Amino acid sequence: MKTDSQKQRAYTLLALRIMGDMGATIAIPVVVLVAFAQYVSEKYGYGYSLTVVAFICSALISGYSVWKKAKRYGKEYSDIDLQ
Protein backbone atom coordinates (compact mmCIF):
# COMPACT_ATOMS: atom_id res chain seq x y z
CA MET A 1 0.00 0.00 0.00
CA LYS A 2 1.37 3.38 -0.99
CA THR A 3 1.46 6.33 1.36
CA ASP A 4 -0.31 9.56 0.47
CA SER A 5 2.93 11.26 -0.59
CA GLN A 6 3.86 8.32 -2.83
CA LYS A 7 0.41 8.42 -4.45
CA GLN A 8 0.68 12.18 -4.93
CA ARG A 9 4.07 11.73 -6.59
CA ALA A 10 2.67 9.00 -8.84
CA TYR A 11 -0.27 11.23 -9.84
CA THR A 12 2.06 14.15 -10.56
CA LEU A 13 4.40 12.05 -12.70
CA LEU A 14 1.44 10.60 -14.60
CA ALA A 15 0.06 14.10 -15.21
CA LEU A 16 3.40 15.33 -16.56
CA ARG A 17 3.71 12.28 -18.80
CA ILE A 18 0.17 12.82 -20.10
CA MET A 19 0.86 16.49 -20.87
CA GLY A 20 3.99 15.71 -22.84
CA ASP A 21 2.52 12.75 -24.66
CA MET A 22 -0.74 14.46 -25.59
CA GLY A 23 1.07 17.60 -26.69
CA ALA A 24 3.30 15.63 -29.02
CA THR A 25 0.37 13.53 -30.23
CA ILE A 26 -1.51 16.66 -31.26
CA ALA A 27 1.40 18.72 -32.59
CA ILE A 28 3.43 16.24 -34.63
CA PRO A 29 0.76 15.20 -37.16
CA VAL A 30 -0.35 18.80 -37.64
CA VAL A 31 3.15 20.13 -38.22
CA VAL A 32 4.27 17.29 -40.48
CA LEU A 33 1.16 17.08 -42.67
CA VAL A 34 0.63 20.83 -43.01
CA ALA A 35 4.31 21.43 -43.81
CA PHE A 36 4.21 18.69 -46.43
CA ALA A 37 0.97 20.07 -47.89
CA GLN A 38 2.42 23.57 -48.12
CA TYR A 39 5.52 22.24 -49.85
CA VAL A 40 3.43 20.34 -52.40
CA SER A 41 1.06 23.30 -52.85
CA GLU A 42 3.93 25.66 -53.60
CA LYS A 43 5.61 23.21 -55.94
CA TYR A 44 2.52 22.30 -57.96
CA GLY A 45 0.36 25.40 -57.44
CA TYR A 46 -2.63 23.89 -55.61
CA GLY A 47 -3.30 26.98 -53.49
CA TYR A 48 -4.38 26.65 -49.90
CA SER A 49 -6.93 23.85 -50.42
CA LEU A 50 -4.37 21.07 -49.93
CA THR A 51 -3.23 22.66 -46.67
CA VAL A 52 -6.82 22.72 -45.39
CA VAL A 53 -7.28 19.05 -46.30
CA ALA A 54 -3.99 18.16 -44.59
CA PHE A 55 -5.05 20.04 -41.46
CA ILE A 56 -8.39 18.23 -41.33
CA CYS A 57 -6.69 14.85 -41.80
CA SER A 58 -4.14 15.62 -39.10
CA ALA A 59 -6.94 16.69 -36.73
CA LEU A 60 -8.69 13.36 -37.29
CA ILE A 61 -5.46 11.42 -36.76
CA SER A 62 -4.65 13.39 -33.61
CA GLY A 63 -8.17 13.01 -32.26
CA TYR A 64 -8.16 9.25 -32.69
CA SER A 65 -4.70 8.96 -31.11
CA VAL A 66 -5.70 11.13 -28.16
CA TRP A 67 -8.84 9.03 -27.62
CA LYS A 68 -6.84 5.79 -27.53
CA LYS A 69 -4.20 7.24 -25.22
CA ALA A 70 -6.84 8.74 -22.90
CA LYS A 71 -8.35 5.31 -22.42
CA ARG A 72 -4.93 3.87 -21.58
CA TYR A 73 -4.06 6.71 -19.20
CA GLY A 74 -7.45 6.38 -17.52
CA LYS A 75 -6.61 2.80 -16.67
CA GLU A 76 -3.19 3.82 -15.36
CA TYR A 77 -4.82 6.52 -13.22
CA SER A 78 -7.24 4.07 -11.65
CA ASP A 79 -4.43 1.57 -11.07
CA ILE A 80 -2.56 4.07 -8.88
CA ASP A 81 -5.29 3.82 -6.24
CA LEU A 82 -5.18 0.04 -6.28
CA GLN A 83 -1.47 -0.16 -5.50
PDB file of N, CA and C in Angstrom:
ATOM      1  N   MET A   1       0.834  -1.179   0.000  1.00  0.00           N
ATOM      2  CA  MET A   1       0.000   0.000   0.000  1.00  0.00           C
ATOM      3  C   MET A   1       0.880   1.244   0.000  1.00  0.00           C
ATOM      4  N   LYS A   2       0.587   2.155  -0.897  1.00  0.00           N
ATOM      5  CA  LYS A   2       1.369   3.382  -0.992  1.00  0.00           C
ATOM      6  C   LYS A   2       0.884   4.409   0.028  1.00  0.00           C
ATOM      7  N   THR A   3       1.827   5.220   0.484  1.00  0.00           N
ATOM      8  CA  THR A   3       1.456   6.326   1.362  1.00  0.00           C
ATOM      9  C   THR A   3       0.868   7.447   0.519  1.00  0.00           C
ATOM     10  N   ASP A   4       0.307   8.437   1.189  1.00  0.00           N
ATOM     11  CA  ASP A   4      -0.306   9.556   0.466  1.00  0.00           C
ATOM     12  C   ASP A   4       0.715  10.324  -0.363  1.00  0.00           C
ATOM     13  N   SER A   5       1.915  10.522   0.164  1.00  0.00           N
ATOM     14  CA  SER A   5       2.928  11.263  -0.585  1.00  0.00           C
ATOM     15  C   SER A   5       3.415  10.463  -1.799  1.00  0.00           C
ATOM     16  N   GLN A   6       3.479   9.144  -1.679  1.00  0.00           N
ATOM     17  CA  GLN A   6       3.865   8.315  -2.825  1.00  0.00           C
ATOM     18  C   GLN A   6       2.783   8.342  -3.901  1.00  0.00           C
ATOM     19  N   LYS A   7       1.511   8.326  -3.480  1.00  0.00           N
ATOM     20  CA  LYS A   7       0.412   8.422  -4.445  1.00  0.00           C
ATOM     21  C   LYS A   7       0.417   9.780  -5.138  1.00  0.00           C
ATOM     22  N   GLN A   8       0.646  10.838  -4.346  1.00  0.00           N
ATOM     23  CA  GLN A   8       0.683  12.181  -4.928  1.00  0.00           C
ATOM     24  C   GLN A   8       1.804  12.289  -5.956  1.00  0.00           C
ATOM     25  N   ARG A   9       2.952  11.722  -5.649  1.00  0.00           N
ATOM     26  CA  ARG A   9       4.074  11.732  -6.591  1.00  0.00           C
ATOM     27  C   ARG A   9       3.721  10.951  -7.851  1.00  0.00           C
ATOM     28  N   ALA A  10       3.068   9.810  -7.687  1.00  0.00           N
ATOM     29  CA  ALA A  10       2.668   8.998  -8.841  1.00  0.00           C
ATOM     30  C   ALA A  10       1.665   9.747  -9.714  1.00  0.00           C
ATOM     31  N   TYR A  11       0.707  10.440  -9.086  1.00  0.00           N
ATOM     32  CA  TYR A  11      -0.270  11.228  -9.842  1.00  0.00           C
ATOM     33  C   TYR A  11       0.407  12.375 -10.595  1.00  0.00           C
ATOM     34  N   THR A  12       1.353  13.036  -9.934  1.00  0.00           N
ATOM     35  CA  THR A  12       2.058  14.150 -10.565  1.00  0.00           C
ATOM     36  C   THR A  12       2.886  13.683 -11.747  1.00  0.00           C
ATOM     37  N   LEU A  13       3.600  12.584 -11.587  1.00  0.00           N
ATOM     38  CA  LEU A  13       4.402  12.055 -12.698  1.00  0.00           C
ATOM     39  C   LEU A  13       3.516  11.603 -13.860  1.00  0.00           C
ATOM     40  N   LEU A  14       2.377  11.004 -13.547  1.00  0.00           N
ATOM     41  CA  LEU A  14       1.445  10.600 -14.602  1.00  0.00           C
ATOM     42  C   LEU A  14       0.910  11.827 -15.331  1.00  0.00           C
ATOM     43  N   ALA A  15       0.575  12.878 -14.592  1.00  0.00           N
ATOM     44  CA  ALA A  15       0.062  14.103 -15.215  1.00  0.00           C
ATOM     45  C   ALA A  15       1.098  14.729 -16.144  1.00  0.00           C
ATOM     46  N   LEU A  16       2.341  14.766 -15.715  1.00  0.00           N
ATOM     47  CA  LEU A  16       3.400  15.326 -16.556  1.00  0.00           C
ATOM     48  C   LEU A  16       3.610  14.481 -17.810  1.00  0.00           C
ATOM     49  N   ARG A  17       3.559  13.161 -17.648  1.00  0.00           N
ATOM     50  CA  ARG A  17       3.709  12.279 -18.800  1.00  0.00           C
ATOM     51  C   ARG A  17       2.548  12.451 -19.775  1.00  0.00           C
ATOM     52  N   ILE A  18       1.345  12.607 -19.244  1.00  0.00           N
ATOM     53  CA  ILE A  18       0.172  12.815 -20.102  1.00  0.00           C
ATOM     54  C   ILE A  18       0.304  14.126 -20.871  1.00  0.00           C
ATOM     55  N   MET A  19       0.714  15.192 -20.193  1.00  0.00           N
ATOM     56  CA  MET A  19       0.858  16.493 -20.868  1.00  0.00           C
ATOM     57  C   MET A  19       1.850  16.416 -22.023  1.00  0.00           C
ATOM     58  N   GLY A  20       2.986  15.819 -21.781  1.00  0.00           N
ATOM     59  CA  GLY A  20       3.988  15.711 -22.835  1.00  0.00           C
ATOM     60  C   GLY A  20       3.538  14.827 -23.977  1.00  0.00           C
ATOM     61  N   ASP A  21       2.948  13.702 -23.644  1.00  0.00           N
ATOM     62  CA  ASP A  21       2.521  12.752 -24.662  1.00  0.00           C
ATOM     63  C   ASP A  21       1.379  13.309 -25.504  1.00  0.00           C
ATOM     64  N   MET A  22       0.393  13.908 -24.850  1.00  0.00           N
ATOM     65  CA  MET A  22      -0.743  14.459 -25.594  1.00  0.00           C
ATOM     66  C   MET A  22      -0.316  15.658 -26.439  1.00  0.00           C
ATOM     67  N   GLY A  23       0.573  16.467 -25.910  1.00  0.00           N
ATOM     68  CA  GLY A  23       1.070  17.601 -26.687  1.00  0.00           C
ATOM     69  C   GLY A  23       1.762  17.159 -27.961  1.00  0.00           C
ATOM     70  N   ALA A  24       2.608  16.152 -27.837  1.00  0.00           N
ATOM     71  CA  ALA A  24       3.296  15.630 -29.016  1.00  0.00           C
ATOM     72  C   ALA A  24       2.321  14.940 -29.961  1.00  0.00           C
ATOM     73  N   THR A  25       1.348  14.241 -29.408  1.00  0.00           N
ATOM     74  CA  THR A  25       0.368  13.533 -30.228  1.00  0.00           C
ATOM     75  C   THR A  25      -0.457  14.512 -31.061  1.00  0.00           C
ATOM     76  N   ILE A  26      -0.733  15.663 -30.523  1.00  0.00           N
ATOM     77  CA  ILE A  26      -1.506  16.660 -31.259  1.00  0.00           C
ATOM     78  C   ILE A  26      -0.617  17.437 -32.225  1.00  0.00           C
ATOM     79  N   ALA A  27       0.568  17.823 -31.798  1.00  0.00           N
ATOM     80  CA  ALA A  27       1.403  18.723 -32.591  1.00  0.00           C
ATOM     81  C   ALA A  27       2.097  18.056 -33.768  1.00  0.00           C
ATOM     82  N   ILE A  28       2.614  16.862 -33.584  1.00  0.00           N
ATOM     83  CA  ILE A  28       3.431  16.244 -34.635  1.00  0.00           C
ATOM     84  C   ILE A  28       2.655  16.001 -35.927  1.00  0.00           C
ATOM     85  N   PRO A  29       1.478  15.376 -35.896  1.00  0.00           N
ATOM     86  CA  PRO A  29       0.758  15.197 -37.165  1.00  0.00           C
ATOM     87  C   PRO A  29       0.390  16.515 -37.836  1.00  0.00           C
ATOM     88  N   VAL A  30       0.017  17.519 -37.062  1.00  0.00           N
ATOM     89  CA  VAL A  30      -0.354  18.805 -37.644  1.00  0.00           C
ATOM     90  C   VAL A  30       0.843  19.433 -38.339  1.00  0.00           C
ATOM     91  N   VAL A  31       1.960  19.484 -37.649  1.00  0.00           N
ATOM     92  CA  VAL A  31       3.145  20.132 -38.218  1.00  0.00           C
ATOM     93  C   VAL A  31       3.637  19.395 -39.456  1.00  0.00           C
ATOM     94  N   VAL A  32       3.724  18.073 -39.371  1.00  0.00           N
ATOM     95  CA  VAL A  32       4.269  17.292 -40.484  1.00  0.00           C
ATOM     96  C   VAL A  32       3.355  17.364 -41.707  1.00  0.00           C
ATOM     97  N   LEU A  33       2.070  17.097 -41.522  1.00  0.00           N
ATOM     98  CA  LEU A  33       1.162  17.076 -42.673  1.00  0.00           C
ATOM     99  C   LEU A  33       0.954  18.455 -43.289  1.00  0.00           C
ATOM    100  N   VAL A  34       0.827  19.482 -42.468  1.00  0.00           N
ATOM    101  CA  VAL A  34       0.633  20.826 -43.012  1.00  0.00           C
ATOM    102  C   VAL A  34       1.894  21.314 -43.712  1.00  0.00           C
ATOM    103  N   ALA A  35       3.064  21.032 -43.147  1.00  0.00           N
ATOM    104  CA  ALA A  35       4.307  21.432 -43.810  1.00  0.00           C
ATOM    105  C   ALA A  35       4.458  20.718 -45.147  1.00  0.00           C
ATOM    106  N   PHE A  36       4.140  19.433 -45.176  1.00  0.00           N
ATOM    107  CA  PHE A  36       4.206  18.690 -46.433  1.00  0.00           C
ATOM    108  C   PHE A  36       3.200  19.235 -47.451  1.00  0.00           C
ATOM    109  N   ALA A  37       1.998  19.541 -46.989  1.00  0.00           N
ATOM    110  CA  ALA A  37       0.972  20.071 -47.888  1.00  0.00           C
ATOM    111  C   ALA A  37       1.376  21.438 -48.440  1.00  0.00           C
ATOM    112  N   GLN A  38       1.977  22.273 -47.623  1.00  0.00           N
ATOM    113  CA  GLN A  38       2.424  23.573 -48.118  1.00  0.00           C
ATOM    114  C   GLN A  38       3.546  23.429 -49.131  1.00  0.00           C
ATOM    115  N   TYR A  39       4.447  22.495 -48.888  1.00  0.00           N
ATOM    116  CA  TYR A  39       5.525  22.239 -49.851  1.00  0.00           C
ATOM    117  C   TYR A  39       4.951  21.795 -51.191  1.00  0.00           C
ATOM    118  N   VAL A  40       4.032  20.837 -51.156  1.00  0.00           N
ATOM    119  CA  VAL A  40       3.427  20.338 -52.397  1.00  0.00           C
ATOM    120  C   VAL A  40       2.596  21.424 -53.070  1.00  0.00           C
ATOM    121  N   SER A  41       1.882  22.222 -52.283  1.00  0.00           N
ATOM    122  CA  SER A  41       1.061  23.297 -52.846  1.00  0.00           C
ATOM    123  C   SER A  41       1.918  24.332 -53.559  1.00  0.00           C
ATOM    124  N   GLU A  42       3.041  24.684 -52.965  1.00  0.00           N
ATOM    125  CA  GLU A  42       3.925  25.661 -53.605  1.00  0.00           C
ATOM    126  C   GLU A  42       4.570  25.089 -54.856  1.00  0.00           C
ATOM    127  N   LYS A  43       4.929  23.831 -54.805  1.00  0.00           N
ATOM    128  CA  LYS A  43       5.615  23.210 -55.935  1.00  0.00           C
ATOM    129  C   LYS A  43       4.686  23.018 -57.135  1.00  0.00           C
ATOM    130  N   TYR A  44       3.439  22.608 -56.882  1.00  0.00           N
ATOM    131  CA  TYR A  44       2.520  22.300 -57.965  1.00  0.00           C
ATOM    132  C   TYR A  44       1.385  23.303 -58.114  1.00  0.00           C
ATOM    133  N   GLY A  45       1.330  24.326 -57.296  1.00  0.00           N
ATOM    134  CA  GLY A  45       0.363  25.397 -57.438  1.00  0.00           C
ATOM    135  C   GLY A  45      -1.075  25.020 -57.089  1.00  0.00           C
ATOM    136  N   TYR A  46      -1.274  24.286 -56.004  1.00  0.00           N
ATOM    137  CA  TYR A  46      -2.628  23.892 -55.607  1.00  0.00           C
ATOM    138  C   TYR A  46      -3.346  24.962 -54.792  1.00  0.00           C
ATOM    139  N   GLY A  47      -2.670  25.979 -54.352  1.00  0.00           N
ATOM    140  CA  GLY A  47      -3.303  26.975 -53.490  1.00  0.00           C
ATOM    141  C   GLY A  47      -3.355  26.477 -52.057  1.00  0.00           C
ATOM    142  N   TYR A  48      -4.303  27.003 -51.316  1.00  0.00           N
ATOM    143  CA  TYR A  48      -4.384  26.650 -49.901  1.00  0.00           C
ATOM    144  C   TYR A  48      -5.284  25.445 -49.633  1.00  0.00           C
ATOM    145  N   SER A  49      -5.971  24.933 -50.632  1.00  0.00           N
ATOM    146  CA  SER A  49      -6.935  23.845 -50.417  1.00  0.00           C
ATOM    147  C   SER A  49      -6.257  22.568 -49.905  1.00  0.00           C
ATOM    148  N   LEU A  50      -5.083  22.262 -50.383  1.00  0.00           N
ATOM    149  CA  LEU A  50      -4.374  21.070 -49.929  1.00  0.00           C
ATOM    150  C   LEU A  50      -3.951  21.210 -48.461  1.00  0.00           C
ATOM    151  N   THR A  51      -3.599  22.416 -48.066  1.00  0.00           N
ATOM    152  CA  THR A  51      -3.232  22.658 -46.672  1.00  0.00           C
ATOM    153  C   THR A  51      -4.432  22.452 -45.754  1.00  0.00           C
ATOM    154  N   VAL A  52      -5.599  22.895 -46.180  1.00  0.00           N
ATOM    155  CA  VAL A  52      -6.819  22.715 -45.385  1.00  0.00           C
ATOM    156  C   VAL A  52      -7.144  21.231 -45.251  1.00  0.00           C
ATOM    157  N   VAL A  53      -7.025  20.488 -46.338  1.00  0.00           N
ATOM    158  CA  VAL A  53      -7.284  19.045 -46.302  1.00  0.00           C
ATOM    159  C   VAL A  53      -6.282  18.352 -45.379  1.00  0.00           C
ATOM    160  N   ALA A  54      -5.021  18.750 -45.458  1.00  0.00           N
ATOM    161  CA  ALA A  54      -3.993  18.157 -44.586  1.00  0.00           C
ATOM    162  C   ALA A  54      -4.278  18.467 -43.123  1.00  0.00           C
ATOM    163  N   PHE A  55      -4.735  19.688 -42.839  1.00  0.00           N
ATOM    164  CA  PHE A  55      -5.054  20.043 -41.464  1.00  0.00           C
ATOM    165  C   PHE A  55      -6.225  19.220 -40.937  1.00  0.00           C
ATOM    166  N   ILE A  56      -7.239  19.029 -41.748  1.00  0.00           N
ATOM    167  CA  ILE A  56      -8.394  18.225 -41.334  1.00  0.00           C
ATOM    168  C   ILE A  56      -7.977  16.779 -41.096  1.00  0.00           C
ATOM    169  N   CYS A  57      -7.173  16.230 -41.987  1.00  0.00           N
ATOM    170  CA  CYS A  57      -6.686  14.849 -41.805  1.00  0.00           C
ATOM    171  C   CYS A  57      -5.843  14.722 -40.541  1.00  0.00           C
ATOM    172  N   SER A  58      -4.974  15.691 -40.299  1.00  0.00           N
ATOM    173  CA  SER A  58      -4.143  15.625 -39.095  1.00  0.00           C
ATOM    174  C   SER A  58      -4.984  15.789 -37.839  1.00  0.00           C
ATOM    175  N   ALA A  59      -6.054  16.565 -37.895  1.00  0.00           N
ATOM    176  CA  ALA A  59      -6.936  16.695 -36.734  1.00  0.00           C
ATOM    177  C   ALA A  59      -7.635  15.370 -36.443  1.00  0.00           C
ATOM    178  N   LEU A  60      -8.055  14.666 -37.482  1.00  0.00           N
ATOM    179  CA  LEU A  60      -8.689  13.359 -37.295  1.00  0.00           C
ATOM    180  C   LEU A  60      -7.697  12.344 -36.726  1.00  0.00           C
ATOM    181  N   ILE A  61      -6.492  12.329 -37.255  1.00  0.00           N
ATOM    182  CA  ILE A  61      -5.455  11.416 -36.761  1.00  0.00           C
ATOM    183  C   ILE A  61      -5.139  11.718 -35.296  1.00  0.00           C
ATOM    184  N   SER A  62      -4.962  12.995 -34.984  1.00  0.00           N
ATOM    185  CA  SER A  62      -4.654  13.390 -33.605  1.00  0.00           C
ATOM    186  C   SER A  62      -5.802  13.052 -32.667  1.00  0.00           C
ATOM    187  N   GLY A  63      -7.018  13.297 -33.099  1.00  0.00           N
ATOM    188  CA  GLY A  63      -8.174  13.007 -32.263  1.00  0.00           C
ATOM    189  C   GLY A  63      -8.292  11.535 -31.929  1.00  0.00           C
ATOM    190  N   TYR A  64      -8.098  10.694 -32.917  1.00  0.00           N
ATOM    191  CA  TYR A  64      -8.159   9.252 -32.692  1.00  0.00           C
ATOM    192  C   TYR A  64      -7.039   8.794 -31.758  1.00  0.00           C
ATOM    193  N   SER A  65      -5.841   9.327 -31.965  1.00  0.00           N
ATOM    194  CA  SER A  65      -4.704   8.956 -31.113  1.00  0.00           C
ATOM    195  C   SER A  65      -4.915   9.410 -29.673  1.00  0.00           C
ATOM    196  N   VAL A  66      -5.441  10.617 -29.504  1.00  0.00           N
ATOM    197  CA  VAL A  66      -5.697  11.130 -28.155  1.00  0.00           C
ATOM    198  C   VAL A  66      -6.757  10.272 -27.470  1.00  0.00           C
ATOM    199  N   TRP A  67      -7.784   9.872 -28.186  1.00  0.00           N
ATOM    200  CA  TRP A  67      -8.844   9.034 -27.620  1.00  0.00           C
ATOM    201  C   TRP A  67      -8.276   7.702 -27.120  1.00  0.00           C
ATOM    202  N   LYS A  68      -7.434   7.057 -27.946  1.00  0.00           N
ATOM    203  CA  LYS A  68      -6.843   5.786 -27.532  1.00  0.00           C
ATOM    204  C   LYS A  68      -5.927   5.966 -26.321  1.00  0.00           C
ATOM    205  N   LYS A  69      -5.124   7.009 -26.331  1.00  0.00           N
ATOM    206  CA  LYS A  69      -4.201   7.240 -25.220  1.00  0.00           C
ATOM    207  C   LYS A  69      -4.954   7.627 -23.949  1.00  0.00           C
ATOM    208  N   ALA A  70      -6.057   8.363 -24.076  1.00  0.00           N
ATOM    209  CA  ALA A  70      -6.838   8.744 -22.901  1.00  0.00           C
ATOM    210  C   ALA A  70      -7.420   7.513 -22.226  1.00  0.00           C
ATOM    211  N   LYS A  71      -7.852   6.549 -23.007  1.00  0.00           N
ATOM    212  CA  LYS A  71      -8.351   5.307 -22.417  1.00  0.00           C
ATOM    213  C   LYS A  71      -7.238   4.596 -21.646  1.00  0.00           C
ATOM    214  N   ARG A  72      -6.057   4.530 -22.233  1.00  0.00           N
ATOM    215  CA  ARG A  72      -4.928   3.869 -21.579  1.00  0.00           C
ATOM    216  C   ARG A  72      -4.511   4.608 -20.302  1.00  0.00           C
ATOM    217  N   TYR A  73      -4.443   5.936 -20.373  1.00  0.00           N
ATOM    218  CA  TYR A  73      -4.063   6.708 -19.201  1.00  0.00           C
ATOM    219  C   TYR A  73      -5.138   6.658 -18.119  1.00  0.00           C
ATOM    220  N   GLY A  74      -6.391   6.533 -18.503  1.00  0.00           N
ATOM    221  CA  GLY A  74      -7.454   6.380 -17.517  1.00  0.00           C
ATOM    222  C   GLY A  74      -7.275   5.114 -16.708  1.00  0.00           C
ATOM    223  N   LYS A  75      -6.867   4.054 -17.377  1.00  0.00           N
ATOM    224  CA  LYS A  75      -6.613   2.797 -16.673  1.00  0.00           C
ATOM    225  C   LYS A  75      -5.416   2.948 -15.742  1.00  0.00           C
ATOM    226  N   GLU A  76      -4.359   3.598 -16.213  1.00  0.00           N
ATOM    227  CA  GLU A  76      -3.188   3.819 -15.362  1.00  0.00           C
ATOM    228  C   GLU A  76      -3.549   4.657 -14.141  1.00  0.00           C
ATOM    229  N   TYR A  77      -4.395   5.656 -14.323  1.00  0.00           N
ATOM    230  CA  TYR A  77      -4.821   6.523 -13.219  1.00  0.00           C
ATOM    231  C   TYR A  77      -5.566   5.712 -12.169  1.00  0.00           C
ATOM    232  N   SER A  78      -6.477   4.866 -12.615  1.00  0.00           N
ATOM    233  CA  SER A  78      -7.238   4.074 -11.651  1.00  0.00           C
ATOM    234  C   SER A  78      -6.369   3.015 -10.982  1.00  0.00           C
ATOM    235  N   ASP A  79      -5.334   2.551 -11.658  1.00  0.00           N
ATOM    236  CA  ASP A  79      -4.433   1.569 -11.073  1.00  0.00           C
ATOM    237  C   ASP A  79      -3.569   2.138  -9.954  1.00  0.00           C
ATOM    238  N   ILE A  80      -3.358   3.457  -9.944  1.00  0.00           N
ATOM    239  CA  ILE A  80      -2.557   4.067  -8.883  1.00  0.00           C
ATOM    240  C   ILE A  80      -3.246   3.874  -7.538  1.00  0.00           C
ATOM    241  N   ASP A  81      -4.559   4.001  -7.489  1.00  0.00           N
ATOM    242  CA  ASP A  81      -5.293   3.815  -6.237  1.00  0.00           C
ATOM    243  C   ASP A  81      -5.233   2.369  -5.744  1.00  0.00           C
ATOM    244  N   LEU A  82      -5.144   1.439  -6.665  1.00  0.00           N
ATOM    245  CA  LEU A  82      -5.178   0.041  -6.284  1.00  0.00           C
ATOM    246  C   LEU A  82      -3.856  -0.439  -5.706  1.00  0.00           C
ATOM    247  N   GLN A  83      -2.795   0.278  -5.983  1.00  0.00           N
ATOM    248  CA  GLN A  83      -1.469  -0.160  -5.504  1.00  0.00           C
ATOM    249  C   GLN A  83      -1.239   0.231  -4.078  1.00  0.00           C
TER     250      GLN A  83
END
